[in-house]
Amino acid sequence: MFQCKSLAREITTFVASYQSLNEVERKALKQFGEGIEAHQVVKQARTLLVPPCGSNVRYGGGAKERAKEREALGLATSQDEDVINGIACAWCAAPLQSISSTLGVTATYCSQECTEQGRIHRGSSSSLRIQMFSLEAGVCRRCHVNAHALYLRILSMAPAERLNALCDAKWRLPQSRVALNNLLSNPRECDFWEVDHIVAVIEGGGDCDLGNLRTLCVPCHKLETERLRNRLKLVQASRSVENDKRQLDIRSAFTRADDNTKKQRKEPIVIDYKIY
């Protein structure tokens, strides 16, 4: 009886912890493939996610981009030629099966894993949106509003009804009249949610995996962008202060050198005459 109650508590703890995870963290746990204690679920999921690599480049590219760079320098290998010609994987450069080679396809991958990595790292914002939508379905990770559902609802309405619907949904409207008119007359899904870097690209979060990406509604994304601007201003201000201190140190060094020179000039010159 005691064992049954203990097992029930373990299951309840595991389910509650698992439901608190976002889709990216759940995917990491599924791929882990090993047993995890119920009270360690959240910690383990966040440990498994790959941290940002410290790059300030948004997209690092794959085998195809590197092959094209070497081709431009005249250093392309036979493997590079296979990648460029579409008979090797555009992400890892592994040979493709004949069934995977399709005429006219610009980016072909050898596996599902390479497909996911290529979509993230090879420089396509639309591919990133598809990837994140499959995981988070357009739900904002910050305020939890279903931005995709709101977009579909607004799209189905007449333009005259859209403003009231957005106000009823407590949606933060654009401050620009032009942007507001565009939103009401021709709503697009990118007007409702964005893919955001948790650690910003300029702060070292570029060329990252899904662990550094999240879905944000457009108003929350604007708030995060404003916070980023403020952080960068503080960093720039602190650097300016450091530069000013260095300049003062250099000037004081020259001042001390000039003082020493003057002191040396004021000392009397003694000439020792010897009579032979």
C-alpha atoms as a PDB file:
ATOM      1  CA  MET A   1       0.000   0.000   0.000  1.00  0.00           C
ATOM      2  CA  PHE A   2       2.804   2.370   0.924  1.00  0.00           C
ATOM      3  CA  GLN A   3       4.609   1.585  -2.330  1.00  0.00           C
ATOM      4  CA  CYS A   4       1.473   2.399  -4.346  1.00  0.00           C
ATOM      5  CA  LYS A   5       1.120   5.783  -2.623  1.00  0.00           C
ATOM      6  CA  SER A   6       4.804   6.538  -3.159  1.00  0.00           C
ATOM      7  CA  LEU A   7       4.545   5.607  -6.839  1.00  0.00           C
ATOM      8  CA  ALA A   8       1.436   7.795  -7.214  1.00  0.00           C
ATOM      9  CA  ARG A   9       3.306  10.763  -5.716  1.00  0.00           C
ATOM     10  CA  GLU A  10       6.221  10.159  -8.106  1.00  0.00           C
ATOM     11  CA  ILE A  11       3.883  10.062 -11.100  1.00  0.00           C
ATOM     12  CA  THR A  12       2.046  13.205  -9.968  1.00  0.00           C
ATOM     13  CA  THR A  13       5.355  15.048  -9.475  1.00  0.00           C
ATOM     14  CA  PHE A  14       6.655  13.925 -12.866  1.00  0.00           C
ATOM     15  CA  VAL A  15       3.474  14.941 -14.728  1.00  0.00           C
ATOM     16  CA  ALA A  16       3.371  18.363 -13.035  1.00  0.00           C
ATOM     17  CA  SER A  17       7.062  18.964 -13.789  1.00  0.00           C
ATOM     18  CA  TYR A  18       6.755  17.799 -17.380  1.00  0.00           C
ATOM     19  CA  GLN A  19       3.722  20.007 -18.038  1.00  0.00           C
ATOM     20  CA  SER A  20       5.653  23.048 -16.784  1.00  0.00           C
ATOM     21  CA  LEU A  21       8.266  22.584 -19.552  1.00  0.00           C
ATOM     22  CA  ASN A  22       8.064  24.285 -22.924  1.00  0.00           C
ATOM     23  CA  GLU A  23       8.080  22.237 -26.116  1.00  0.00           C
ATOM     24  CA  VAL A  24      11.813  22.689 -26.741  1.00  0.00           C
ATOM     25  CA  GLU A  25      12.635  21.327 -23.285  1.00  0.00           C
ATOM     26  CA  ARG A  26      10.234  18.406 -23.757  1.00  0.00           C
ATOM     27  CA  LYS A  27      11.887  17.556 -27.050  1.00  0.00           C
ATOM     28  CA  ALA A  28      15.306  17.563 -25.372  1.00  0.00           C
ATOM     29  CA  LEU A  29      14.033  15.116 -22.727  1.00  0.00           C
ATOM     30  CA  LYS A  30      12.579  12.781 -25.356  1.00  0.00           C
ATOM     31  CA  GLN A  31      15.877  12.702 -27.230  1.00  0.00           C
ATOM     32  CA  PHE A  32      17.807  12.078 -23.996  1.00  0.00           C
ATOM     33  CA  GLY A  33      16.407   8.532 -23.819  1.00  0.00           C
ATOM     34  CA  GLU A  34      17.441   7.764 -20.209  1.00  0.00           C
ATOM     35  CA  GLY A  35      15.553   7.507 -16.935  1.00  0.00           C
ATOM     36  CA  ILE A  36      15.098  10.696 -14.890  1.00  0.00           C
ATOM     37  CA  GLU A  37      13.909  11.100 -11.315  1.00  0.00           C
ATOM     38  CA  ALA A  38      10.609  12.958 -11.023  1.00  0.00           C
ATOM     39  CA  HIS A  39      12.021  15.847  -8.976  1.00  0.00           C
ATOM     40  CA  GLN A  40      14.915  16.280 -11.465  1.00  0.00           C
ATOM     41  CA  VAL A  41      12.810  16.665 -14.626  1.00  0.00           C
ATOM     42  CA  VAL A  42      13.003  20.469 -14.942  1.00  0.00           C
ATOM     43  CA  LYS A  43      16.702  20.654 -14.003  1.00  0.00           C
ATOM     44  CA  GLN A  44      17.642  17.841 -16.398  1.00  0.00           C
ATOM     45  CA  ALA A  45      15.676  19.343 -19.311  1.00  0.00           C
ATOM     46  CA  ARG A  46      17.413  22.701 -18.973  1.00  0.00           C
ATOM     47  CA  THR A  47      20.810  21.042 -18.584  1.00  0.00           C
ATOM     48  CA  LEU A  48      20.317  19.134 -21.843  1.00  0.00           C
ATOM     49  CA  LEU A  49      19.700  22.244 -23.903  1.00  0.00           C
ATOM     50  CA  VAL A  50      22.823  23.386 -25.723  1.00  0.00           C
ATOM     51  CA  PRO A  51      23.901  26.841 -24.454  1.00  0.00           C
ATOM     52  CA  PRO A  52      24.630  29.688 -26.911  1.00  0.00           C
ATOM     53  CA  CYS A  53      27.972  29.207 -28.635  1.00  0.00           C
ATOM     54  CA  GLY A  54      29.119  32.795 -28.109  1.00  0.00           C
ATOM     55  CA  SER A  55      28.771  33.840 -31.741  1.00  0.00           C
ATOM     56  CA  ASN A  56      27.682  37.292 -32.863  1.00  0.00           C
ATOM     57  CA  VAL A  57      26.700  35.922 -36.287  1.00  0.00           C
ATOM     58  CA  ARG A  58      23.006  35.143 -36.721  1.00  0.00           C
ATOM     59  CA  TYR A  59      23.501  32.181 -39.081  1.00  0.00           C
ATOM     60  CA  GLY A  60      26.720  30.174 -39.178  1.00  0.00           C
ATOM     61  CA  GLY A  61      25.836  28.153 -42.267  1.00  0.00           C
ATOM     62  CA  GLY A  62      26.388  24.491 -43.091  1.00  0.00           C
ATOM     63  CA  ALA A  63      28.445  22.353 -45.448  1.00  0.00           C
ATOM     64  CA  LYS A  64      26.991  24.052 -48.523  1.00  0.00           C
ATOM     65  CA  GLU A  65      27.949  27.558 -47.407  1.00  0.00           C
ATOM     66  CA  ARG A  66      31.473  26.446 -46.507  1.00  0.00           C
ATOM     67  CA  ALA A  67      31.804  24.631 -49.850  1.00  0.00           C
ATOM     68  CA  LYS A  68      30.789  27.777 -51.744  1.00  0.00           C
ATOM     69  CA  GLU A  69      33.350  29.826 -49.797  1.00  0.00           C
ATOM     70  CA  ARG A  70      36.123  27.392 -50.743  1.00  0.00           C
ATOM     71  CA  GLU A  71      34.906  27.319 -54.357  1.00  0.00           C
ATOM     72  CA  ALA A  72      35.158  31.123 -54.525  1.00  0.00           C
ATOM     73  CA  LEU A  73      38.767  30.838 -53.326  1.00  0.00           C
ATOM     74  CA  GLY A  74      39.550  28.085 -55.810  1.00  0.00           C
ATOM     75  CA  LEU A  75      40.059  25.548 -52.992  1.00  0.00           C
ATOM     76  CA  ALA A  76      36.978  23.365 -53.478  1.00  0.00           C
ATOM     77  CA  THR A  77      37.416  19.618 -52.932  1.00  0.00           C
ATOM     78  CA  SER A  78      35.506  16.798 -54.609  1.00  0.00           C
ATOM     79  CA  GLN A  79      33.281  16.610 -51.524  1.00  0.00           C
ATOM     80  CA  ASP A  80      32.567  20.341 -51.836  1.00  0.00           C
ATOM     81  CA  GLU A  81      31.559  19.818 -55.466  1.00  0.00           C
ATOM     82  CA  ASP A  82      29.182  17.027 -54.416  1.00  0.00           C
ATOM     83  CA  VAL A  83      27.555  19.332 -51.861  1.00  0.00           C
ATOM     84  CA  ILE A  84      27.213  22.201 -54.351  1.00  0.00           C
ATOM     85  CA  ASN A  85      25.795  19.870 -57.037  1.00  0.00           C
ATOM     86  CA  GLY A  86      23.188  18.510 -54.611  1.00  0.00           C
ATOM     87  CA  ILE A  87      24.442  14.935 -54.308  1.00  0.00           C
ATOM     88  CA  ALA A  88      25.734  15.381 -50.736  1.00  0.00           C
ATOM     89  CA  CYS A  89      23.986  16.701 -47.624  1.00  0.00           C
ATOM     90  CA  ALA A  90      23.853  20.503 -47.444  1.00  0.00           C
ATOM     91  CA  TRP A  91      24.420  20.381 -43.675  1.00  0.00           C
ATOM     92  CA  CYS A  92      26.927  17.570 -42.940  1.00  0.00           C
ATOM     93  CA  ALA A  93      28.253  16.783 -46.476  1.00  0.00           C
ATOM     94  CA  ALA A  94      27.418  13.060 -46.139  1.00  0.00           C
ATOM     95  CA  PRO A  95      26.527  11.322 -49.451  1.00  0.00           C
ATOM     96  CA  LEU A  96      22.800  11.312 -50.238  1.00  0.00           C
ATOM     97  CA  GLN A  97      20.810   8.248 -51.181  1.00  0.00           C
ATOM     98  CA  SER A  98      19.658   8.302 -54.812  1.00  0.00           C
ATOM     99  CA  ILE A  99      16.030   8.574 -53.671  1.00  0.00           C
ATOM    100  CA  SER A 100      16.885  11.833 -51.823  1.00  0.00           C
ATOM    101  CA  SER A 101      18.399  13.567 -54.853  1.00  0.00           C
ATOM    102  CA  THR A 102      15.732  15.657 -56.528  1.00  0.00           C
ATOM    103  CA  LEU A 103      16.312  17.856 -59.557  1.00  0.00           C
ATOM    104  CA  GLY A 104      15.881  21.554 -58.764  1.00  0.00           C
ATOM    105  CA  VAL A 105      16.121  21.180 -54.972  1.00  0.00           C
ATOM    106  CA  THR A 106      18.505  23.835 -53.624  1.00  0.00           C
ATOM    107  CA  ALA A 107      19.039  22.383 -50.144  1.00  0.00           C
ATOM    108  CA  THR A 108      18.800  18.642 -49.520  1.00  0.00           C
ATOM    109  CA  TYR A 109      19.566  16.840 -46.266  1.00  0.00           C
ATOM    110  CA  CYS A 110      20.448  13.255 -45.442  1.00  0.00           C
ATOM    111  CA  SER A 111      18.388  12.932 -42.246  1.00  0.00           C
ATOM    112  CA  GLN A 112      15.724  14.568 -40.119  1.00  0.00           C
ATOM    113  CA  GLU A 113      18.388  15.788 -37.698  1.00  0.00           C
ATOM    114  CA  CYS A 114      20.318  17.479 -40.520  1.00  0.00           C
ATOM    115  CA  THR A 115      17.060  18.998 -41.789  1.00  0.00           C
ATOM    116  CA  GLU A 116      16.382  20.594 -38.399  1.00  0.00           C
ATOM    117  CA  GLN A 117      19.953  21.843 -38.002  1.00  0.00           C
ATOM    118  CA  GLY A 118      19.999  23.209 -41.551  1.00  0.00           C
ATOM    119  CA  ARG A 119      16.767  25.111 -41.016  1.00  0.00           C
ATOM    120  CA  ILE A 120      18.185  26.715 -37.876  1.00  0.00           C
ATOM    121  CA  HIS A 121      21.749  27.519 -38.969  1.00  0.00           C
ATOM    122  CA  ARG A 122      21.624  28.108 -42.726  1.00  0.00           C
ATOM    123  CA  GLY A 123      20.016  31.537 -42.791  1.00  0.00           C
ATOM    124  CA  SER A 124      16.284  31.331 -43.358  1.00  0.00           C
ATOM    125  CA  SER A 125      13.908  33.159 -41.030  1.00  0.00           C
ATOM    126  CA  SER A 126      10.904  31.440 -42.633  1.00  0.00           C
ATOM    127  CA  SER A 127      12.443  28.031 -41.846  1.00  0.00           C
ATOM    128  CA  LEU A 128      12.995  29.124 -38.251  1.00  0.00           C
ATOM    129  CA  ARG A 129       9.352  30.166 -37.985  1.00  0.00           C
ATOM    130  CA  ILE A 130       8.217  26.779 -39.317  1.00  0.00           C
ATOM    131  CA  GLN A 131      10.474  24.995 -36.839  1.00  0.00           C
ATOM    132  CA  MET A 132       9.308  27.023 -33.835  1.00  0.00           C
ATOM    133  CA  PHE A 133       5.652  26.885 -34.861  1.00  0.00           C
ATOM    134  CA  SER A 134       5.810  23.081 -34.915  1.00  0.00           C
ATOM    135  CA  LEU A 135       7.015  23.215 -31.299  1.00  0.00           C
ATOM    136  CA  GLU A 136       5.150  26.150 -29.746  1.00  0.00           C
ATOM    137  CA  ALA A 137       2.216  26.761 -32.140  1.00  0.00           C
ATOM    138  CA  GLY A 138       2.563  30.543 -32.058  1.00  0.00           C
ATOM    139  CA  VAL A 139       1.969  30.863 -28.280  1.00  0.00           C
ATOM    140  CA  CYS A 140       3.978  33.633 -26.631  1.00  0.00           C
ATOM    141  CA  ARG A 141       6.403  32.307 -24.017  1.00  0.00           C
ATOM    142  CA  ARG A 142       6.287  35.582 -22.089  1.00  0.00           C
ATOM    143  CA  CYS A 143       2.603  36.502 -21.762  1.00  0.00           C
ATOM    144  CA  HIS A 144       1.157  33.140 -22.979  1.00  0.00           C
ATOM    145  CA  VAL A 145      -1.227  34.690 -25.480  1.00  0.00           C
ATOM    146  CA  ASN A 146      -2.028  32.473 -28.484  1.00  0.00           C
ATOM    147  CA  ALA A 147      -0.856  34.915 -31.140  1.00  0.00           C
ATOM    148  CA  HIS A 148      -1.469  32.481 -34.016  1.00  0.00           C
ATOM    149  CA  ALA A 149      -5.107  31.956 -32.983  1.00  0.00           C
ATOM    150  CA  LEU A 150      -5.569  35.718 -32.652  1.00  0.00           C
ATOM    151  CA  TYR A 151      -4.118  36.217 -36.143  1.00  0.00           C
ATOM    152  CA  LEU A 152      -6.566  33.705 -37.649  1.00  0.00           C
ATOM    153  CA  ARG A 153      -9.445  35.369 -35.836  1.00  0.00           C
ATOM    154  CA  ILE A 154      -8.474  38.877 -37.009  1.00  0.00           C
ATOM    155  CA  LEU A 155      -7.895  37.633 -40.559  1.00  0.00           C
ATOM    156  CA  SER A 156     -11.441  36.249 -40.750  1.00  0.00           C
ATOM    157  CA  MET A 157     -12.989  39.616 -39.805  1.00  0.00           C
ATOM    158  CA  ALA A 158     -13.869  42.611 -41.917  1.00  0.00           C
ATOM    159  CA  PRO A 159     -11.372  45.502 -41.618  1.00  0.00           C
ATOM    160  CA  ALA A 160     -13.924  47.613 -39.729  1.00  0.00           C
ATOM    161  CA  GLU A 161     -14.258  44.945 -37.006  1.00  0.00           C
ATOM    162  CA  ARG A 162     -10.550  44.306 -36.448  1.00  0.00           C
ATOM    163  CA  LEU A 163      -9.725  47.313 -34.270  1.00  0.00           C
ATOM    164  CA  ASN A 164     -12.429  46.493 -31.692  1.00  0.00           C
ATOM    165  CA  ALA A 165     -11.367  42.837 -31.651  1.00  0.00           C
ATOM    166  CA  LEU A 166      -7.735  43.751 -31.000  1.00  0.00           C
ATOM    167  CA  CYS A 167      -8.751  46.141 -28.222  1.00  0.00           C
ATOM    168  CA  ASP A 168     -10.954  43.445 -26.658  1.00  0.00           C
ATOM    169  CA  ALA A 169      -7.968  41.075 -26.743  1.00  0.00           C
ATOM    170  CA  LYS A 170      -5.887  43.775 -24.939  1.00  0.00           C
ATOM    171  CA  TRP A 171      -3.419  43.733 -27.825  1.00  0.00           C
ATOM    172  CA  ARG A 172      -0.852  46.534 -27.688  1.00  0.00           C
ATOM    173  CA  LEU A 173      -1.417  48.408 -30.939  1.00  0.00           C
ATOM    174  CA  PRO A 174       1.394  49.963 -33.018  1.00  0.00           C
ATOM    175  CA  GLN A 175       2.066  53.611 -32.215  1.00  0.00           C
ATOM    176  CA  SER A 176       2.661  54.515 -35.854  1.00  0.00           C
ATOM    177  CA  ARG A 177      -0.484  55.331 -37.838  1.00  0.00           C
ATOM    178  CA  VAL A 178       0.970  53.693 -40.943  1.00  0.00           C
ATOM    179  CA  ALA A 179       1.762  50.470 -39.059  1.00  0.00           C
ATOM    180  CA  LEU A 180      -1.707  50.436 -37.502  1.00  0.00           C
ATOM    181  CA  ASN A 181      -3.392  50.912 -40.886  1.00  0.00           C
ATOM    182  CA  ASN A 182      -1.310  48.080 -42.354  1.00  0.00           C
ATOM    183  CA  LEU A 183      -2.249  45.809 -39.447  1.00  0.00           C
ATOM    184  CA  LEU A 184      -5.964  46.511 -39.869  1.00  0.00           C
ATOM    185  CA  SER A 185      -6.106  46.454 -43.664  1.00  0.00           C
ATOM    186  CA  ASN A 186      -3.666  43.624 -44.402  1.00  0.00           C
ATOM    187  CA  PRO A 187      -2.855  41.541 -41.291  1.00  0.00           C
ATOM    188  CA  ARG A 188       0.069  39.110 -41.629  1.00  0.00           C
ATOM    189  CA  GLU A 189       1.138  36.397 -39.224  1.00  0.00           C
ATOM    190  CA  CYS A 190       4.506  38.095 -38.678  1.00  0.00           C
ATOM    191  CA  ASP A 191       2.530  41.045 -37.260  1.00  0.00           C
ATOM    192  CA  PHE A 192       1.420  38.803 -34.390  1.00  0.00           C
ATOM    193  CA  TRP A 193       4.389  36.641 -33.340  1.00  0.00           C
ATOM    194  CA  GLU A 194       8.162  36.474 -33.818  1.00  0.00           C
ATOM    195  CA  VAL A 195      11.018  34.041 -33.190  1.00  0.00           C
ATOM    196  CA  ASP A 196      13.201  35.628 -30.500  1.00  0.00           C
ATOM    197  CA  HIS A 197      16.761  34.847 -29.339  1.00  0.00           C
ATOM    198  CA  ILE A 198      16.730  34.440 -25.536  1.00  0.00           C
ATOM    199  CA  VAL A 199      20.366  35.539 -25.492  1.00  0.00           C
ATOM    200  CA  ALA A 200      20.547  38.224 -28.172  1.00  0.00           C
ATOM    201  CA  VAL A 201      22.753  37.711 -31.224  1.00  0.00           C
ATOM    202  CA  ILE A 202      24.816  40.806 -30.426  1.00  0.00           C
ATOM    203  CA  GLU A 203      25.379  39.450 -26.887  1.00  0.00           C
ATOM    204  CA  GLY A 204      26.725  36.105 -28.114  1.00  0.00           C
ATOM    205  CA  GLY A 205      23.546  34.155 -28.846  1.00  0.00           C
ATOM    206  CA  GLY A 206      23.991  33.862 -32.606  1.00  0.00           C
ATOM    207  CA  ASP A 207      24.211  30.639 -34.624  1.00  0.00           C
ATOM    208  CA  CYS A 208      22.371  28.848 -31.810  1.00  0.00           C
ATOM    209  CA  ASP A 209      20.199  25.750 -31.431  1.00  0.00           C
ATOM    210  CA  LEU A 210      16.518  25.693 -30.494  1.00  0.00           C
ATOM    211  CA  GLY A 211      17.405  26.017 -26.805  1.00  0.00           C
ATOM    212  CA  ASN A 212      18.154  29.723 -27.323  1.00  0.00           C
ATOM    213  CA  LEU A 213      14.982  30.420 -29.326  1.00  0.00           C
ATOM    214  CA  ARG A 214      11.442  31.158 -28.201  1.00  0.00           C
ATOM    215  CA  THR A 215       8.138  32.415 -29.545  1.00  0.00           C
ATOM    216  CA  LEU A 216       7.129  35.944 -28.546  1.00  0.00           C
ATOM    217  CA  CYS A 217       4.101  37.945 -29.560  1.00  0.00           C
ATOM    218  CA  VAL A 218       5.012  41.169 -31.359  1.00  0.00           C
ATOM    219  CA  PRO A 219       4.303  43.488 -28.369  1.00  0.00           C
ATOM    220  CA  CYS A 220       6.457  41.333 -26.051  1.00  0.00           C
ATOM    221  CA  HIS A 221       9.163  41.172 -28.717  1.00  0.00           C
ATOM    222  CA  LYS A 222       9.204  44.972 -28.899  1.00  0.00           C
ATOM    223  CA  LEU A 223       9.582  45.173 -25.112  1.00  0.00           C
ATOM    224  CA  GLU A 224      12.514  42.738 -25.207  1.00  0.00           C
ATOM    225  CA  THR A 225      14.102  44.719 -28.059  1.00  0.00           C
ATOM    226  CA  GLU A 226      13.776  47.927 -26.030  1.00  0.00           C
ATOM    227  CA  ARG A 227      15.390  46.240 -23.029  1.00  0.00           C
ATOM    228  CA  LEU A 228      18.231  45.075 -25.263  1.00  0.00           C
ATOM    229  CA  ARG A 229      18.758  48.639 -26.529  1.00  0.00           C
ATOM    230  CA  ASN A 230      18.922  49.914 -22.941  1.00  0.00           C
ATOM    231  CA  ARG A 231      21.477  47.246 -21.997  1.00  0.00           C
ATOM    232  CA  LEU A 232      23.625  48.111 -25.002  1.00  0.00           C
ATOM    233  CA  LYS A 233      23.462  51.819 -24.098  1.00  0.00           C
ATOM    234  CA  LEU A 234      24.683  51.025 -20.583  1.00  0.00           C
ATOM    235  CA  VAL A 235      27.531  48.930 -21.980  1.00  0.00           C
ATOM    236  CA  GLN A 236      28.479  51.728 -24.382  1.00  0.00           C
ATOM    237  CA  ALA A 237      28.348  54.287 -21.577  1.00  0.00           C
ATOM    238  CA  SER A 238      30.582  52.158 -19.329  1.00  0.00           C
ATOM    239  CA  ARG A 239      33.058  51.715 -22.192  1.00  0.00           C
ATOM    240  CA  SER A 240      33.119  55.476 -22.764  1.00  0.00           C
ATOM    241  CA  VAL A 241      33.901  56.023 -19.067  1.00  0.00           C
ATOM    242  CA  GLU A 242      36.733  53.467 -19.243  1.00  0.00           C
ATOM    243  CA  ASN A 243      38.134  55.149 -22.365  1.00  0.00           C
ATOM    244  CA  ASP A 244      38.020  58.551 -20.649  1.00  0.00           C
ATOM    245  CA  LYS A 245      39.906  57.129 -17.668  1.00  0.00           C
ATOM    246  CA  ARG A 246      42.562  55.688 -19.960  1.00  0.00           C
ATOM    247  CA  GLN A 247      42.957  59.020 -21.760  1.00  0.00           C
ATOM    248  CA  LEU A 248      43.355  60.806 -18.421  1.00  0.00           C
ATOM    249  CA  ASP A 249      45.965  58.268 -17.351  1.00  0.00           C
ATOM    250  CA  ILE A 250      47.904  58.843 -20.577  1.00  0.00           C
ATOM    251  CA  ARG A 251      47.739  62.641 -20.160  1.00  0.00           C
ATOM    252  CA  SER A 252      48.889  62.423 -16.548  1.00  0.00           C
ATOM    253  CA  ALA A 253      51.790  60.227 -17.626  1.00  0.00           C
ATOM    254  CA  PHE A 254      52.885  62.848 -20.170  1.00  0.00           C
ATOM    255  CA  THR A 255      52.440  65.595 -17.534  1.00  0.00           C
ATOM    256  CA  ARG A 256      54.679  63.727 -15.107  1.00  0.00           C
ATOM    257  CA  ALA A 257      57.263  63.241 -17.856  1.00  0.00           C
ATOM    258  CA  ASP A 258      57.217  66.998 -18.648  1.00  0.00           C
ATOM    259  CA  ASP A 259      57.664  67.856 -14.947  1.00  0.00           C
ATOM    260  CA  ASN A 260      60.663  65.556 -14.672  1.00  0.00           C
ATOM    261  CA  THR A 261      62.198  67.151 -17.785  1.00  0.00           C
ATOM    262  CA  LYS A 262      61.752  70.655 -16.349  1.00  0.00           C
ATOM    263  CA  LYS A 263      63.329  69.621 -13.062  1.00  0.00           C
ATOM    264  CA  GLN A 264      66.292  68.198 -14.889  1.00  0.00           C
ATOM    265  CA  ARG A 265      66.742  71.450 -16.857  1.00  0.00           C
ATOM    266  CA  LYS A 266      66.707  73.555 -13.672  1.00  0.00           C
ATOM    267  CA  GLU A 267      69.588  71.616 -12.120  1.00  0.00           C
ATOM    268  CA  PRO A 268      72.909  73.581 -12.523  1.00  0.00           C
ATOM    269  CA  ILE A 269      75.475  72.219 -14.872  1.00  0.00           C
ATOM    270  CA  VAL A 270      78.810  71.679 -13.111  1.00  0.00           C
ATOM    271  CA  ILE A 271      81.934  71.718 -15.260  1.00  0.00           C
ATOM    272  CA  ASP A 272      85.038  70.229 -13.758  1.00  0.00           C
ATOM    273  CA  TYR A 273      88.151  71.954 -15.109  1.00  0.00           C
ATOM    274  CA  LYS A 274      91.378  70.063 -14.765  1.00  0.00           C
ATOM    275  CA  ILE A 275      94.799  71.676 -15.186  1.00  0.00           C
ATOM    276  CA  TYR A 276      97.514  69.569 -16.644  1.00  0.00           C
END
